[in-house]
Protein backbone atom coordinates (compact mmCIF):
# COMPACT_ATOMS: atom_id res chain seq x y z
CA MET A 1 -9.26 13.54 -28.76
CA GLU A 2 -9.12 15.60 -25.58
CA LYS A 3 -10.50 19.16 -25.70
CA GLY A 4 -8.21 20.62 -23.08
CA PRO A 5 -5.42 19.68 -20.71
CA VAL A 6 -5.87 16.97 -18.12
CA THR A 7 -5.52 18.34 -14.60
CA VAL A 8 -3.20 16.44 -12.28
CA ILE A 9 -3.19 17.65 -8.68
CA GLY A 10 -0.07 16.82 -6.69
CA ALA A 11 3.53 16.49 -7.88
CA GLY A 12 4.50 13.59 -5.67
CA LEU A 13 5.39 10.13 -6.92
CA ALA A 14 1.92 9.28 -8.23
CA GLY A 15 1.21 12.68 -9.76
CA CYS A 16 4.52 12.92 -11.58
CA GLU A 17 4.18 9.36 -12.85
CA ALA A 18 0.69 10.14 -14.15
CA ALA A 19 1.65 13.44 -15.79
CA HIS A 20 4.65 11.86 -17.48
CA PHE A 21 2.69 8.99 -19.02
CA LEU A 22 -0.09 11.25 -20.26
CA SER A 23 2.47 13.52 -21.88
CA ARG A 24 4.08 10.59 -23.70
CA CYS A 25 0.66 9.89 -25.19
CA GLY A 26 0.61 13.43 -26.58
CA ILE A 27 -1.93 14.57 -24.00
CA ARG A 28 -1.47 18.03 -22.53
CA VAL A 29 -1.28 18.14 -18.73
CA ARG A 30 -1.77 20.90 -16.18
CA LEU A 31 0.16 19.73 -13.09
CA SER A 32 -0.59 21.73 -9.96
CA ASP A 33 1.22 21.56 -6.64
CA CYS A 34 1.42 23.89 -3.64
CA LYS A 35 5.25 23.87 -3.63
CA PRO A 36 7.21 26.05 -3.21
CA LYS A 37 4.66 28.53 -1.86
CA ALA A 38 3.47 26.08 0.76
CA PHE A 39 4.53 22.74 2.22
CA THR A 40 2.73 19.97 4.10
CA PRO A 41 4.06 19.15 7.58
CA ALA A 42 6.12 16.31 6.07
CA HIS A 43 7.70 18.17 3.15
CA SER A 44 10.59 20.63 3.01
CA ASP A 45 12.12 20.30 -0.48
CA ALA A 46 10.78 22.39 -3.37
CA ARG A 47 11.56 19.59 -5.82
CA PHE A 48 8.91 17.11 -6.94
CA ALA A 49 8.68 13.45 -5.87
CA GLU A 50 10.23 14.18 -2.48
CA LEU A 51 10.85 11.05 -0.39
CA VAL A 52 9.79 12.07 3.10
CA CYS A 53 10.79 8.94 5.01
CA SER A 54 13.18 6.18 3.97
CA ASN A 55 15.25 6.48 0.80
CA SER A 56 14.60 2.79 0.06
CA LEU A 57 12.06 1.59 -2.48
CA LYS A 58 12.41 -1.90 -0.98
CA SER A 59 13.53 -5.08 -2.69
CA ASN A 60 14.68 -5.11 -6.29
CA ASP A 61 14.41 -8.90 -6.59
CA VAL A 62 12.08 -9.52 -9.54
CA TYR A 63 11.76 -13.26 -8.97
CA GLY A 64 11.77 -13.40 -5.18
CA ASN A 65 9.88 -10.39 -3.90
CA ALA A 66 6.47 -8.96 -4.80
CA CYS A 67 7.63 -5.34 -4.62
CA GLY A 68 10.63 -6.20 -6.80
CA LEU A 69 8.23 -7.72 -9.31
CA LEU A 70 6.04 -4.60 -9.20
CA LYS A 71 9.07 -2.45 -10.06
CA GLU A 72 9.80 -4.62 -13.08
CA GLU A 73 6.19 -4.39 -14.24
CA MET A 74 6.51 -0.61 -14.05
CA ARG A 75 9.89 -0.56 -15.83
CA ARG A 76 8.36 -2.45 -18.72
CA LEU A 77 5.55 0.08 -18.89
CA GLY A 78 7.97 3.02 -19.03
CA SER A 79 7.82 4.28 -15.44
CA LEU A 80 9.40 7.68 -14.82
CA ILE A 81 9.76 7.00 -11.11
CA ILE A 82 11.50 3.63 -11.40
CA GLY A 83 13.71 4.98 -14.19
CA ALA A 84 14.81 7.89 -11.99
CA ALA A 85 15.40 5.51 -9.08
CA ASP A 86 17.55 3.21 -11.21
CA GLU A 87 19.63 6.18 -12.37
CA ASN A 88 20.17 7.46 -8.81
CA ARG A 89 20.69 4.12 -7.06
CA VAL A 90 22.98 3.88 -4.03
CA PRO A 91 24.40 0.60 -2.62
CA ALA A 92 21.79 -1.16 -0.48
CA GLY A 93 22.24 -4.88 -1.01
CA GLY A 94 19.20 -6.31 -2.75
CA ALA A 95 17.11 -3.18 -2.20
CA LEU A 96 16.62 -0.27 -4.60
CA ALA A 97 17.71 2.70 -2.48
CA VAL A 98 18.34 6.11 -3.97
CA ASP A 99 20.18 9.35 -3.46
CA ARG A 100 17.00 11.15 -2.47
CA GLU A 101 18.11 14.58 -3.72
CA GLY A 102 19.38 13.21 -7.03
CA PHE A 103 16.20 11.20 -7.45
CA ALA A 104 13.91 14.18 -6.78
CA GLN A 105 16.00 16.36 -9.08
CA ALA A 106 15.81 13.83 -11.90
CA VAL A 107 12.01 13.64 -11.66
CA THR A 108 11.68 17.42 -11.36
CA ASP A 109 13.91 18.03 -14.38
CA ALA A 110 11.94 15.54 -16.49
CA ILE A 111 8.63 17.16 -15.59
CA ARG A 112 9.77 20.77 -16.05
CA ALA A 113 11.47 20.01 -19.37
CA ASP A 114 8.33 18.41 -20.80
CA ALA A 115 6.61 20.69 -23.31
CA ASN A 116 3.29 18.90 -22.77
CA ILE A 117 3.24 19.60 -19.03
CA GLU A 118 2.32 23.01 -17.61
CA VAL A 119 3.42 23.26 -13.98
CA VAL A 120 1.29 25.55 -11.81
CA CYS A 121 2.00 26.48 -8.19
CA GLU A 122 -1.32 26.56 -6.41
CA GLU A 123 -3.14 24.83 -3.58
CA ALA A 124 -6.17 22.91 -4.86
CA GLU A 125 -9.41 23.60 -3.00
CA ARG A 126 -11.78 21.18 -4.73
CA ILE A 127 -11.98 18.20 -7.02
CA PRO A 128 -11.52 19.66 -10.50
CA GLU A 129 -14.08 19.47 -13.28
CA GLY A 130 -13.31 17.59 -16.47
CA TYR A 131 -10.62 14.95 -16.86
CA ALA A 132 -8.38 14.91 -13.83
CA ILE A 133 -6.22 12.82 -11.53
CA VAL A 134 -6.15 13.73 -7.83
CA ALA A 135 -2.87 12.58 -6.30
CA THR A 136 -2.43 14.83 -3.28
CA GLY A 137 -1.03 12.22 -0.92
CA PRO A 138 -1.69 10.99 2.61
CA LEU A 139 -1.56 14.50 4.10
CA THR A 140 -4.40 15.94 2.01
CA GLN A 141 -6.03 18.54 4.17
CA GLY A 142 -7.82 21.87 4.18
CA ARG A 143 -10.51 22.78 1.68
CA LEU A 144 -9.66 19.97 -0.72
CA ALA A 145 -10.07 17.34 1.99
CA GLU A 146 -13.37 18.90 2.99
CA ASP A 147 -14.58 18.96 -0.62
CA ILE A 148 -13.64 15.30 -1.04
CA ARG A 149 -15.44 14.39 2.17
CA GLN A 150 -18.60 16.26 1.20
CA ARG A 151 -18.68 15.00 -2.37
CA LEU A 152 -17.93 11.39 -1.51
CA GLY A 153 -20.25 11.15 1.47
CA GLY A 154 -17.75 10.97 4.28
CA ASN A 155 -15.80 8.04 2.80
CA LEU A 156 -12.50 9.45 4.01
CA ALA A 157 -10.26 8.21 6.83
CA PHE A 158 -7.68 10.29 8.63
CA TYR A 159 -5.23 7.78 10.06
CA ASP A 160 -3.83 4.46 9.11
CA ALA A 161 -3.67 1.99 11.98
CA ALA A 162 -3.16 -1.44 10.50
CA ALA A 163 -2.00 -4.65 12.15
CA PRO A 164 0.69 -6.86 10.58
CA ILE A 165 -0.23 -9.53 8.03
CA VAL A 166 1.56 -12.87 7.74
CA SER A 167 1.64 -15.46 4.98
CA ALA A 168 -0.66 -18.41 5.66
CA ASP A 169 1.91 -20.98 4.61
CA SER A 170 4.48 -19.64 7.08
CA ILE A 171 2.33 -20.29 10.19
CA ASP A 172 3.26 -23.30 12.34
CA TYR A 173 -0.17 -24.91 12.55
CA SER A 174 1.09 -27.57 14.98
CA LYS A 175 1.13 -24.78 17.57
CA THR A 176 -2.36 -23.45 16.82
CA PHE A 177 -5.98 -24.45 17.15
CA VAL A 178 -9.01 -23.29 15.21
CA GLY A 179 -12.02 -21.82 17.01
CA ASP A 180 -14.10 -18.75 17.70
CA ARG A 181 -14.58 -17.12 21.06
CA TYR A 182 -17.40 -18.84 23.00
CA GLY A 183 -17.94 -21.05 19.95
CA LYS A 184 -19.72 -18.24 18.12
CA GLY A 185 -18.75 -18.66 14.50
CA THR A 186 -17.67 -21.24 11.97
CA GLY A 187 -14.03 -21.69 12.88
CA ASP A 188 -13.06 -18.33 11.48
CA TYR A 189 -9.96 -17.72 13.61
CA ILE A 190 -6.60 -19.43 13.94
CA ASN A 191 -5.56 -19.21 17.59
CA CYS A 192 -1.92 -18.98 18.63
CA PRO A 193 -1.66 -19.91 22.32
CA MET A 194 1.10 -18.96 24.76
CA ASN A 195 1.87 -20.37 28.18
CA ARG A 196 2.80 -18.08 31.04
CA GLU A 197 6.55 -18.17 30.39
CA GLU A 198 6.09 -17.44 26.69
CA TYR A 199 3.65 -14.64 27.38
CA GLU A 200 5.86 -12.89 29.91
CA ALA A 201 8.89 -13.10 27.65
CA PHE A 202 6.82 -11.63 24.83
CA ALA A 203 5.49 -8.81 27.03
CA ASP A 204 9.02 -7.97 28.21
CA ALA A 205 10.26 -7.85 24.62
CA LEU A 206 7.45 -5.46 23.68
CA LEU A 207 8.47 -3.09 26.44
CA SER A 208 12.08 -2.93 25.31
CA ALA A 209 11.46 -2.90 21.55
CA GLU A 210 12.46 0.14 19.54
CA ARG A 211 9.62 2.27 18.27
CA ALA A 212 9.43 4.14 14.98
CA GLU A 213 9.95 7.88 15.20
CA GLN A 214 6.72 9.81 14.87
CA HIS A 215 6.20 13.17 13.26
CA ALA A 216 4.28 15.73 15.28
CA PHE A 217 1.35 15.55 12.84
CA ASP A 218 1.04 11.79 13.42
CA ARG A 219 0.46 11.81 17.14
CA ARG A 220 -2.89 13.44 17.81
CA GLU A 221 -5.37 11.46 15.74
CA ILE A 222 -3.85 7.98 15.86
CA PHE A 223 -3.80 7.59 19.61
CA GLU A 224 -7.39 8.75 19.89
CA GLY A 225 -8.43 6.07 17.42
CA CYS A 226 -6.68 2.99 18.79
CA MET A 227 -3.91 1.91 21.10
CA PRO A 228 -0.60 0.35 20.00
CA VAL A 229 0.06 -3.07 21.47
CA GLU A 230 3.36 -1.89 22.99
CA VAL A 231 1.57 0.97 24.80
CA MET A 232 -0.96 -1.49 26.16
CA ALA A 233 1.88 -3.71 27.44
CA ALA A 234 3.38 -0.78 29.34
CA ARG A 235 0.20 -0.35 31.37
CA GLY A 236 0.69 -3.51 33.36
CA ARG A 237 1.85 -7.10 33.29
CA ASP A 238 -1.54 -8.56 32.45
CA THR A 239 -3.01 -5.75 30.36
CA LEU A 240 -2.59 -7.68 27.11
CA ARG A 241 -4.22 -10.75 28.67
CA PHE A 242 -7.29 -8.65 29.37
CA GLY A 243 -7.10 -7.05 25.92
CA MET A 244 -6.18 -8.39 22.47
CA LEU A 245 -4.56 -11.55 23.95
CA LYS A 246 -7.36 -12.50 26.31
CA PRO A 247 -8.00 -16.27 26.35
CA VAL A 248 -11.55 -16.05 27.70
CA GLY A 249 -14.00 -18.10 25.66
CA LEU A 250 -11.28 -20.00 23.77
CA TYR A 251 -10.37 -23.64 24.37
CA ASP A 252 -7.90 -25.86 22.55
CA GLU A 253 -8.62 -29.37 21.21
CA ASN A 254 -8.09 -30.77 24.72
CA GLY A 255 -10.61 -28.40 26.27
CA ARG A 256 -7.94 -26.27 27.98
CA ARG A 257 -7.92 -22.50 28.05
CA PRO A 258 -4.51 -20.98 27.14
CA TYR A 259 -2.74 -18.51 29.40
CA ALA A 260 -2.84 -15.99 26.53
CA VAL A 261 -3.78 -16.28 22.88
CA LEU A 262 -3.23 -14.29 19.69
CA GLN A 263 -5.99 -14.64 17.12
CA LEU A 264 -5.32 -14.63 13.38
CA ARG A 265 -8.07 -13.65 10.97
CA LYS A 266 -8.20 -14.20 7.21
CA GLU A 267 -7.09 -11.15 5.27
CA ASN A 268 -8.45 -12.37 1.94
CA CYS A 269 -11.00 -14.84 0.62
CA ALA A 270 -8.29 -17.16 -0.69
CA GLY A 271 -6.93 -17.61 2.86
CA THR A 272 -3.35 -16.94 1.79
CA ALA A 273 -2.80 -14.18 4.34
CA TYR A 274 -3.77 -13.66 7.99
CA ASN A 275 -4.09 -10.52 10.10
CA LEU A 276 -2.77 -10.35 13.68
CA VAL A 277 -6.00 -9.25 15.34
CA GLY A 278 -5.68 -6.11 17.46
CA PHE A 279 -1.93 -5.75 16.89
CA GLN A 280 -1.76 -2.13 15.77
CA THR A 281 1.78 -1.09 16.50
CA ASN A 282 4.34 1.65 16.11
CA LEU A 283 7.38 -0.61 16.44
CA LYS A 284 10.08 -0.43 13.80
CA PHE A 285 9.69 -3.12 11.17
CA PRO A 286 12.71 -5.25 12.21
CA GLU A 287 11.45 -5.10 15.78
CA GLN A 288 8.02 -6.32 14.73
CA LYS A 289 9.66 -9.30 13.05
CA ARG A 290 11.80 -10.04 16.11
CA VAL A 291 9.16 -9.62 18.79
CA PHE A 292 6.09 -11.06 17.08
CA SER A 293 8.09 -14.10 15.99
CA MET A 294 8.42 -14.95 19.71
CA ILE A 295 4.84 -16.21 19.56
CA PRO A 296 5.41 -19.94 19.01
CA ALA A 297 3.11 -20.32 16.01
CA LEU A 298 4.81 -17.35 14.31
CA LYS A 299 8.41 -18.39 14.90
CA ASN A 300 9.06 -18.65 11.14
CA ALA A 301 6.34 -16.28 9.98
CA GLU A 302 6.75 -14.38 6.74
CA PHE A 303 5.42 -10.85 7.21
CA LEU A 304 3.61 -9.66 4.12
CA ARG A 305 2.89 -6.29 5.67
CA TYR A 306 4.10 -4.78 8.92
CA GLY A 307 1.88 -2.80 11.23
CA VAL A 308 1.68 0.94 10.71
CA MET A 309 0.27 3.84 12.66
CA HIS A 310 0.52 7.23 11.04
CA ARG A 311 -1.41 10.17 9.66
CA ASN A 312 -2.86 9.01 6.37
CA THR A 313 -5.85 10.51 4.62
CA PHE A 314 -7.29 7.76 2.45
CA LEU A 315 -10.57 6.94 0.77
CA ASN A 316 -12.87 4.09 1.54
CA SER A 317 -12.02 3.17 -2.02
CA PRO A 318 -14.33 0.16 -2.52
CA ALA A 319 -17.29 2.48 -1.89
CA VAL A 320 -16.23 5.26 -4.26
CA LEU A 321 -13.63 4.01 -6.78
CA ASN A 322 -13.67 1.59 -9.69
CA ALA A 323 -10.80 -0.84 -10.18
CA ASP A 324 -9.27 1.55 -12.73
CA TYR A 325 -8.98 4.25 -10.01
CA SER A 326 -11.82 6.35 -11.48
CA LEU A 327 -14.67 7.73 -9.39
CA LYS A 328 -17.84 5.66 -9.57
CA GLU A 329 -19.92 8.83 -9.70
CA ASP A 330 -17.77 10.54 -12.34
CA GLY A 331 -15.60 8.44 -14.62
CA SER A 332 -13.60 11.46 -15.81
CA VAL A 333 -12.00 11.94 -12.38
CA PHE A 334 -9.36 9.51 -11.16
CA PHE A 335 -7.53 9.24 -7.84
CA ALA A 336 -3.98 7.98 -7.37
CA GLY A 337 -1.35 7.53 -4.68
CA GLN A 338 -1.70 6.59 -1.04
CA MET A 339 -5.08 8.30 -0.87
CA THR A 340 -6.50 5.33 -2.77
CA GLY A 341 -5.39 2.76 -0.20
CA VAL A 342 -2.10 1.57 -1.63
CA GLU A 343 0.79 1.64 0.81
CA GLY A 344 4.38 2.47 -0.12
CA TYR A 345 6.46 4.54 -2.52
CA VAL A 346 6.39 2.06 -5.41
CA GLU A 347 2.74 1.18 -4.95
CA SER A 348 1.79 4.87 -4.95
CA ALA A 349 3.74 5.55 -8.14
CA CYS A 350 2.18 2.48 -9.75
CA SER A 351 -1.34 3.74 -9.03
CA GLY A 352 -0.45 7.00 -10.80
CA LEU A 353 0.83 5.09 -13.82
CA VAL A 354 -2.23 2.82 -14.00
CA ALA A 355 -4.67 5.71 -13.51
CA ALA A 356 -2.95 7.64 -16.33
CA ILE A 357 -3.06 4.65 -18.67
CA ASN A 358 -6.76 4.17 -18.02
CA LEU A 359 -7.53 7.87 -18.40
CA ALA A 360 -5.58 8.07 -21.68
CA LEU A 361 -7.47 5.12 -23.08
CA ARG A 362 -10.77 6.69 -22.08
CA LEU A 363 -9.83 9.98 -23.73
CA ARG A 364 -8.94 8.19 -26.96
CA GLY A 365 -12.14 6.13 -26.90
CA LYS A 366 -10.28 2.84 -26.56
CA PRO A 367 -11.28 -0.18 -24.47
CA PRO A 368 -9.64 -0.20 -21.05
CA VAL A 369 -6.82 -2.46 -19.99
CA VAL A 370 -8.11 -5.35 -17.91
CA TRP A 371 -5.86 -5.10 -14.87
CA ASP A 372 -6.32 -8.52 -13.31
CA ALA A 373 -4.70 -10.00 -10.23
CA GLU A 374 -2.16 -12.00 -12.26
CA THR A 375 0.07 -8.91 -11.98
CA VAL A 376 0.97 -7.05 -8.80
CA SER A 377 -0.24 -3.79 -10.34
CA GLY A 378 -3.55 -5.44 -11.20
CA ALA A 379 -3.85 -7.05 -7.77
CA LEU A 380 -3.54 -3.60 -6.18
CA CYS A 381 -6.35 -2.39 -8.47
CA ALA A 382 -8.46 -5.32 -7.30
CA HIS A 383 -7.70 -4.50 -3.66
CA ILE A 384 -8.90 -0.91 -3.84
CA ALA A 385 -12.16 -2.01 -5.45
CA ALA A 386 -12.89 -5.16 -3.41
CA GLN A 387 -15.86 -4.79 -1.07
CA THR A 388 -14.86 -5.22 2.56
CA GLU A 389 -16.18 -4.23 5.97
CA ASN A 390 -12.95 -2.61 7.09
CA PHE A 391 -10.93 -1.33 4.15
CA GLN A 392 -7.25 -0.80 4.97
CA PRO A 393 -4.26 0.26 2.87
CA MET A 394 -2.23 -2.54 1.25
CA ASN A 395 1.26 -2.91 -0.14
CA ALA A 396 2.66 -5.28 -2.75
CA ASN A 397 2.71 -8.91 -1.59
CA TYR A 398 2.13 -12.34 -3.07
CA ALA A 399 -1.05 -12.96 -1.08
CA ILE A 400 -3.01 -10.44 -3.14
CA LEU A 401 -2.08 -12.17 -6.41
CA ARG A 402 -4.44 -14.64 -8.04
CA PRO A 403 -3.34 -18.15 -6.95
CA LEU A 404 -1.44 -20.25 -9.46
CA SER A 405 -3.43 -22.87 -11.36
CA GLU A 406 -1.31 -25.62 -9.81
CA THR A 407 -0.12 -26.33 -6.28
CA VAL A 408 3.58 -25.54 -5.83
CA ARG A 409 5.27 -26.33 -2.52
CA ASP A 410 8.71 -24.87 -3.22
CA LYS A 411 8.47 -21.15 -2.33
CA ALA A 412 11.26 -20.05 -4.64
CA VAL A 413 9.72 -21.89 -7.57
CA LYS A 414 6.30 -20.49 -6.72
CA LYS A 415 7.57 -16.91 -6.65
CA ARG A 416 9.36 -17.35 -9.98
CA MET A 417 6.14 -18.70 -11.50
CA PHE A 418 4.23 -15.68 -10.19
CA ALA A 419 6.83 -13.40 -11.82
CA GLU A 420 6.83 -15.21 -15.16
CA ARG A 421 3.03 -15.12 -15.33
CA SER A 422 2.97 -11.45 -14.40
CA LEU A 423 5.58 -10.32 -16.90
CA ALA A 424 3.89 -12.28 -19.68
CA LYS A 425 0.68 -10.36 -18.91
CA ILE A 426 2.57 -7.05 -18.86
CA ALA A 427 3.98 -7.84 -22.31
CA GLN A 428 0.42 -8.17 -23.57
CA VAL A 429 -0.55 -4.86 -21.96
CA ARG A 430 2.46 -3.16 -23.51
CA GLU A 431 1.57 -4.37 -27.00
CA TYR A 432 -1.99 -3.19 -26.57
CA LEU A 433 -0.86 0.29 -25.46
CA ARG A 434 1.39 0.62 -28.51
CA GLY A 435 -1.60 0.14 -30.78
CA ALA A 436 -4.25 1.95 -28.73
CA LEU A 437 -2.26 5.01 -27.72
CA GLY A 438 0.35 5.23 -30.46
CA VAL A 439 3.28 5.22 -28.03
CA ARG A 440 5.88 2.72 -27.00
CA ALA A 441 5.25 1.93 -23.36
CA GLU A 442 8.90 1.41 -22.47
CA GLN A 443 11.35 4.28 -22.15
């Protein structure tokens, strides 16, 4: 049994989710947040779980969308965040969009009314001692950021500049060729060639495409680190051909060099997802789909993740975190939220829920839950712990799931099978938590 309260730093989606689950296990929580005495550059509402960008939590389709499946996994584990979202839903087609003020109020009321949770208004300056969950979000700064950097050996990034990722089975391979520049490699890249007409149409579309609005705190660090593809295109007609689309050293099966070529690189060992090499971008998501689909091989591409460029303090998690979100150097301290390298509202909340479950089990001396990649929540755990040369944040998508044991061509059937397998695994987890923690996982 715990000797004192568990410290949770940050009352955003992940922190509130974590505090709520720990409380339901009968564990006392000290939840600290700088609001309302201070706000980050992105926040303005004194309530907890403030949604600072879109009010959409993306698709609610359990059997046709990976993020929809993740929501259902969380519902079945008793998620505070998904429960509040369901209660404050506004019409948005197949998406789960919320009345942002009603949603934040519901979460805040639940936290403040909880007798097991002590809410403290203070700005954390260091990683706490004892059992704790650090969930301070992508704008972690000041003394806490410095303490994290010093303690974890510099394994901290300060911006997120990630290229889009497409599903491998949505690429038109008849319009590609395999090969590495100058023949140096083992056929590691899929090359998507363009002729002059296709290239110029693509470049023109980039110039006219609508860009995502940037906050003032986003601008300084990102553009020092890398250059968005649309900014490169604005520098001259052939700038891209001398940059990320240069054809030099690449020849198709007929020995011809393309006018321009986009290279795709494997995003995972299974080869189910490919990264658009060098395509960091600040275009709005629908514009990315429209413009990048002009590349012939990507005409029908399914985008698993769109490119992002924004201020985002996140850990090099594979170097410092275990798959249960605990620190490798100190298993009593867990991290949660976007700082761990999960991307998105739902994914952040999920990390808080999983971290709290694992911490509660550790406090009670029970074996941990084995979060494997048969569930979306488990696949995100695997992502933050998987060794890689260039760790980047990831959102929920089918490519990170463990492949099915059989080959299924029909995409709809395949997605349903993923969901059925996942929810069967979640049912097992839920039963285990009932016995190990003495609580019913569902609300």
